[in-house]
Protein backbone atom coordinates (compact mmCIF):
# COMPACT_ATOMS: atom_id res chain seq x y z
CA ALA A 1 -24.03 -10.60 23.34
CA MET A 2 -22.05 -12.88 20.81
CA LYS A 3 -20.29 -9.33 19.81
CA ARG A 4 -19.50 -8.43 23.27
CA ILE A 5 -18.04 -11.84 23.76
CA PHE A 6 -15.54 -11.51 20.26
CA GLU A 7 -14.53 -7.75 21.87
CA LEU A 8 -13.17 -9.37 25.43
CA ASP A 9 -11.54 -12.29 23.39
CA ALA A 10 -10.16 -10.19 21.06
CA ALA A 11 -8.94 -7.30 23.23
CA ARG A 12 -6.57 -10.08 25.13
CA GLY A 13 -3.50 -9.49 23.45
CA ASP A 14 -0.83 -12.36 22.42
CA ALA A 15 1.82 -11.16 25.06
CA GLU A 16 -0.53 -11.77 27.83
CA LEU A 17 -1.49 -15.29 26.63
CA GLY A 18 1.81 -15.97 26.56
CA ILE A 19 2.34 -16.39 22.61
CA ALA A 20 3.50 -12.76 21.04
CA ALA A 21 6.55 -12.82 18.45
CA LEU A 22 7.53 -9.32 17.69
CA TRP A 23 9.17 -7.94 15.05
CA LYS A 24 11.74 -5.41 16.08
CA GLY A 25 9.61 -4.59 18.92
CA LEU A 26 6.29 -4.45 16.77
CA GLU A 27 3.15 -6.61 16.78
CA VAL A 28 2.40 -7.14 13.29
CA THR A 29 -1.11 -7.21 12.12
CA ALA A 30 -3.06 -6.79 9.08
CA ILE A 31 -6.52 -5.77 7.83
CA ASP A 32 -8.68 -7.23 5.09
CA GLY A 33 -11.99 -8.08 4.18
CA THR A 34 -14.40 -10.90 2.83
CA THR A 35 -17.82 -12.17 2.06
CA MET A 36 -19.75 -14.98 3.40
CA GLU A 37 -23.10 -16.40 1.86
CA LEU A 38 -26.11 -16.07 3.28
CA GLY A 39 -29.54 -17.72 3.10
CA ARG A 40 -32.07 -16.81 0.49
CA ASN A 41 -34.90 -14.93 1.91
CA ASP A 42 -36.24 -11.33 1.71
CA ALA A 43 -35.23 -10.01 5.00
CA LEU A 44 -31.64 -11.06 4.18
CA ASP A 45 -31.91 -9.85 0.74
CA GLY A 46 -32.89 -6.42 1.73
CA GLU A 47 -30.28 -5.89 4.83
CA PHE A 48 -27.21 -7.61 3.17
CA GLY A 49 -27.76 -7.26 -0.78
CA THR A 50 -26.46 -9.65 -3.40
CA PRO A 51 -24.24 -9.56 -6.32
CA GLY A 52 -26.60 -10.06 -9.02
CA ASP A 53 -30.48 -11.12 -9.66
CA GLY A 54 -30.14 -14.70 -8.65
CA ALA A 55 -27.43 -14.54 -6.25
CA ARG A 56 -27.33 -15.27 -2.59
CA PRO A 57 -27.21 -12.46 -0.18
CA LEU A 58 -23.42 -11.65 0.85
CA LEU A 59 -22.56 -10.64 4.51
CA ARG A 60 -19.14 -8.45 4.13
CA ALA A 61 -16.82 -8.41 7.20
CA VAL A 62 -13.78 -6.64 7.57
CA ALA A 63 -11.20 -7.82 10.24
CA HIS A 64 -7.68 -6.94 11.84
CA VAL A 65 -5.81 -9.71 12.63
CA ARG A 66 -2.58 -10.67 14.61
CA THR A 67 -0.53 -12.22 11.60
CA VAL A 68 1.75 -14.52 13.71
CA THR A 69 -1.35 -16.08 15.55
CA PHE A 70 -4.26 -15.27 13.47
CA ARG A 71 -5.73 -14.04 16.22
CA TRP A 72 -8.60 -11.15 15.88
CA ILE A 73 -8.15 -7.57 17.34
CA GLY A 74 -11.31 -5.98 15.96
CA ALA A 75 -13.98 -6.46 13.19
CA ALA A 76 -16.88 -4.75 11.29
CA ILE A 77 -19.68 -6.47 9.72
CA GLY A 78 -21.82 -5.12 6.89
CA GLY A 79 -23.75 -5.77 3.45
CA TYR A 80 -22.28 -6.46 0.42
CA HIS A 81 -22.74 -3.24 -1.08
CA ASP A 82 -20.94 -1.67 1.94
CA GLY A 83 -17.30 -0.94 0.62
CA GLU A 84 -14.47 -2.61 2.62
CA ASN A 85 -13.02 1.15 3.54
CA THR A 86 -16.42 1.97 4.94
CA LEU A 87 -15.92 -0.94 7.36
CA ALA A 88 -12.16 -0.48 7.90
CA ASP A 89 -12.78 2.62 9.24
CA GLU A 90 -14.89 1.26 12.25
CA LEU A 91 -11.46 -0.66 13.44
CA GLU A 92 -9.50 2.84 13.85
CA GLY A 93 -10.05 2.32 17.40
CA SER A 94 -8.18 -1.47 17.52
CA PHE A 95 -4.91 0.62 16.35
CA GLY A 96 -2.21 1.61 18.57
CA PRO A 97 1.35 2.15 19.90
CA GLY A 98 3.51 -0.94 19.73
CA MET A 99 1.46 -1.91 16.16
CA LEU A 100 2.67 -2.68 12.60
CA ASN A 101 -0.43 -2.65 10.33
CA LEU A 102 -0.01 -4.08 6.58
CA ALA A 103 -2.69 -3.53 4.25
CA ASP A 104 -3.26 -4.07 0.77
CA ARG A 105 -3.20 -1.02 -1.88
CA GLY A 106 -6.94 -0.64 -1.74
CA PHE A 107 -6.97 0.80 1.74
CA PHE A 108 -4.74 3.74 1.37
CA SER A 109 -6.32 7.52 1.79
CA MET A 110 -4.54 10.68 2.74
CA ASP A 111 -7.49 10.89 5.85
CA ARG A 112 -7.20 7.11 6.45
CA TRP A 113 -3.40 7.39 6.76
CA ILE A 114 -3.48 10.08 9.11
CA ARG A 115 -6.20 9.15 11.10
CA PHE A 116 -4.74 5.58 11.50
CA SER A 117 -1.45 6.72 12.21
CA GLY A 118 -2.47 9.25 14.48
CA THR A 119 -3.33 6.23 16.62
CA GLY A 120 0.32 5.69 17.50
CA ALA A 121 0.62 2.73 15.37
CA HIS A 122 2.94 2.25 12.66
CA LEU A 123 1.46 1.64 9.07
CA ALA A 124 3.33 -0.67 6.10
CA TRP A 125 0.41 -0.07 3.63
CA ARG A 126 0.66 -0.95 -0.50
CA VAL A 127 -0.09 1.68 -2.52
CA LYS A 128 -1.17 1.87 -6.08
CA ASN A 129 1.65 2.77 -8.59
CA GLY A 130 -0.20 5.07 -10.47
CA ALA A 131 1.26 9.09 -9.95
CA LYS A 132 -2.27 10.28 -9.21
CA SER A 133 -3.00 7.62 -6.71
CA VAL A 134 -0.62 8.91 -4.06
CA PRO A 135 0.58 12.11 -4.68
CA PHE A 136 3.95 12.91 -3.09
CA THR A 137 6.99 14.82 -3.59
CA THR A 138 10.29 12.70 -3.08
CA LEU A 139 12.05 14.79 -0.63
CA ARG A 140 15.56 12.68 -0.85
CA THR A 141 16.43 9.01 -1.71
CA LEU A 142 17.80 6.90 1.48
CA SER A 143 20.98 4.99 2.06
CA ASP A 144 18.98 1.93 1.22
CA GLY A 145 17.36 3.31 -1.92
CA SER A 146 13.68 3.87 -0.50
CA GLU A 147 12.52 7.31 -0.57
CA LEU A 148 11.31 9.97 2.19
CA VAL A 149 8.39 11.50 0.33
CA LEU A 150 6.03 14.23 1.26
CA LEU A 151 2.52 13.45 0.90
CA HIS A 152 0.21 16.00 -0.58
CA GLU A 153 -3.80 15.94 -0.73
CA SER A 154 -4.48 16.50 -4.35
CA ALA A 155 -7.34 18.66 -5.51
CA SER A 156 -9.46 15.61 -6.45
CA MET A 157 -8.88 13.81 -3.77
CA LEU A 158 -9.86 16.84 -1.43
CA GLY A 159 -12.93 17.40 -3.77
CA LYS A 160 -14.01 13.64 -2.91
CA ARG A 161 -13.81 13.86 0.87
CA ARG A 162 -15.92 17.09 0.42
CA ARG A 163 -18.90 15.43 -1.53
CA ASP A 164 -18.16 12.08 0.63
CA ALA A 165 -18.81 14.66 3.75
CA SER A 166 -21.09 16.62 2.24
CA GLY A 167 -18.81 19.37 3.35
CA LYS A 168 -17.58 22.05 0.69
CA THR A 169 -15.41 23.87 3.52
CA LEU A 170 -13.53 20.86 4.80
CA PRO A 171 -9.85 21.92 4.96
CA ARG A 172 -6.95 20.48 2.78
CA LEU A 173 -5.22 17.85 4.73
CA PRO A 174 -2.13 18.88 6.25
CA ASP A 175 1.35 17.83 4.42
CA THR A 176 2.80 14.50 6.15
CA ILE A 177 6.04 12.73 5.85
CA ALA A 178 6.32 9.20 5.12
CA ARG A 179 8.64 6.59 3.41
CA LEU A 180 8.16 4.68 0.34
CA VAL A 181 9.64 1.24 -0.43
CA SER A 182 9.91 0.03 -3.85
CA PHE A 183 10.64 -3.95 -4.85
CA THR A 184 9.85 -6.24 -7.40
CA VAL A 185 8.20 -9.60 -7.04
CA THR A 186 8.57 -12.02 -9.82
CA ALA A 187 6.30 -15.07 -9.76
CA ARG A 188 7.43 -18.02 -12.18
CA THR A 189 5.20 -20.77 -13.58
CA ALA A 190 6.48 -23.39 -15.83
CA ARG A 191 5.60 -21.31 -18.84
CA ARG A 192 6.37 -17.75 -17.57
CA ALA A 193 7.53 -15.34 -15.22
CA ARG A 194 5.99 -12.33 -14.36
CA THR A 195 7.47 -9.46 -12.56
CA THR A 196 5.30 -6.91 -10.51
CA THR A 197 6.49 -3.57 -8.66
CA VAL A 198 5.36 -3.14 -5.51
CA LYS A 199 4.95 0.23 -3.65
CA VAL A 200 4.83 -0.23 0.28
CA LEU A 201 4.12 3.49 1.75
CA THR A 202 5.41 3.07 5.87
CA THR A 203 5.78 5.27 8.80
CA LEU A 204 9.06 3.52 9.78
CA LEU A 205 11.43 6.41 8.64
CA ASP A 206 14.59 5.36 9.56
CA PRO A 207 16.20 2.93 6.85
CA GLY A 208 19.24 2.02 9.55
CA ALA A 209 16.46 0.52 11.75
CA PHE A 210 14.14 -0.73 9.29
CA PRO A 211 16.11 -1.50 5.99
CA ALA A 212 14.03 -1.25 3.05
CA ARG A 213 14.96 -5.22 1.87
CA GLU A 214 13.34 -6.50 5.78
CA ILE A 215 10.24 -4.07 5.01
CA ALA A 216 9.62 -5.99 1.55
CA ALA A 217 10.31 -9.37 3.35
CA LEU A 218 7.72 -8.55 6.09
CA TYR A 219 5.12 -7.14 3.87
CA ALA A 220 4.39 -11.16 2.73
CA GLU A 221 3.02 -11.50 6.10
CA ARG A 222 -0.14 -9.52 4.66
CA TRP A 223 -1.21 -12.54 3.08
CA GLN A 224 -1.59 -14.01 7.01
CA ALA A 225 -4.83 -12.53 6.99
CA GLU A 226 -6.36 -14.26 4.09
CA ILE A 227 -4.97 -17.44 5.53
CA ALA A 228 -7.24 -16.46 8.47
CA TYR A 229 -10.38 -16.18 6.31
CA LEU A 230 -9.70 -19.16 4.60
CA HIS A 231 -9.41 -21.35 7.92
CA LEU A 232 -12.68 -19.44 9.25
CA LYS A 233 -14.50 -20.53 6.05
CA LYS A 234 -13.09 -23.61 5.43
CA THR A 235 -12.29 -25.08 8.78
CA VAL A 236 -14.77 -23.60 11.17
CA LYS A 237 -17.83 -22.83 9.17
CA GLY A 238 -17.28 -25.59 6.42
CA ALA A 239 -16.63 -25.30 2.82
CA GLY A 240 -19.53 -24.73 0.89
CA ARG A 241 -21.86 -23.84 3.65
CA VAL A 242 -24.17 -20.92 4.13
CA LEU A 243 -24.66 -18.93 7.17
CA ARG A 244 -27.80 -20.75 9.00
CA GLY A 245 -29.19 -17.55 10.56
CA ARG A 246 -32.48 -16.75 8.54
CA SER A 247 -32.73 -13.15 10.10
CA PRO A 248 -30.14 -10.09 9.89
CA ALA A 249 -29.79 -10.11 13.75
CA LEU A 250 -29.15 -14.06 13.59
CA ALA A 251 -26.69 -13.69 10.51
CA ARG A 252 -24.66 -11.23 12.52
CA GLN A 253 -24.72 -13.17 15.60
CA GLU A 254 -23.52 -16.52 13.58
CA THR A 255 -20.91 -13.83 12.15
CA TRP A 256 -19.64 -12.72 15.28
CA ALA A 257 -19.79 -16.44 16.79
CA LEU A 258 -17.56 -17.53 13.80
CA LEU A 259 -14.80 -14.78 14.54
């Protein structure tokens, strides 16, 4: 019942509530995951799992959030040992036209990129800097320094996807055009400065309409998902408090209520 109430509320767009704020005509969203501590009992241990001996069982949630208002669009709930990507795949149905989604570098895969962008949503996902993480060929460098690239599923990626699906005959994913925006972020303390290169892959291909500098600035909004979780866990649930549900069903119901 609480899950259904969550879904009904999440389905109401910000525009319907008169609180929409768009970026270049697009609703900006983000996906991210978190964990929440549960009480100690065998039922919860068995259902959700623990990070180690003596630790409390943990419930894992991955949510899709509107970055301007912190309102949820969708969520998936699982156990500690359920990967964030596995739960994120359950959120595909919450993506659609008119949306620009931001995600951290752990969420990219060729398969997920093709499926989620196929909903009509635009993506701006951070990717790992290693060459093997995102196999691509640069087609050309654009006017703002970003690159138009051709994504190509590598043999190792295809092999992993076949193993995961237990399907030895799965075909290679089609080559896909995207745009790569690279920029640096410098964090300074009193003693030192640390500079990190950030690479964001996006479906926004036009550098005139979507300049690289503006995409780089916008990507900082991904942290709004972290703030939404902070509010959920510290303000709504209460810092240091575990979920009260003593059965798997009640723990899930309480989580939907919190969301």
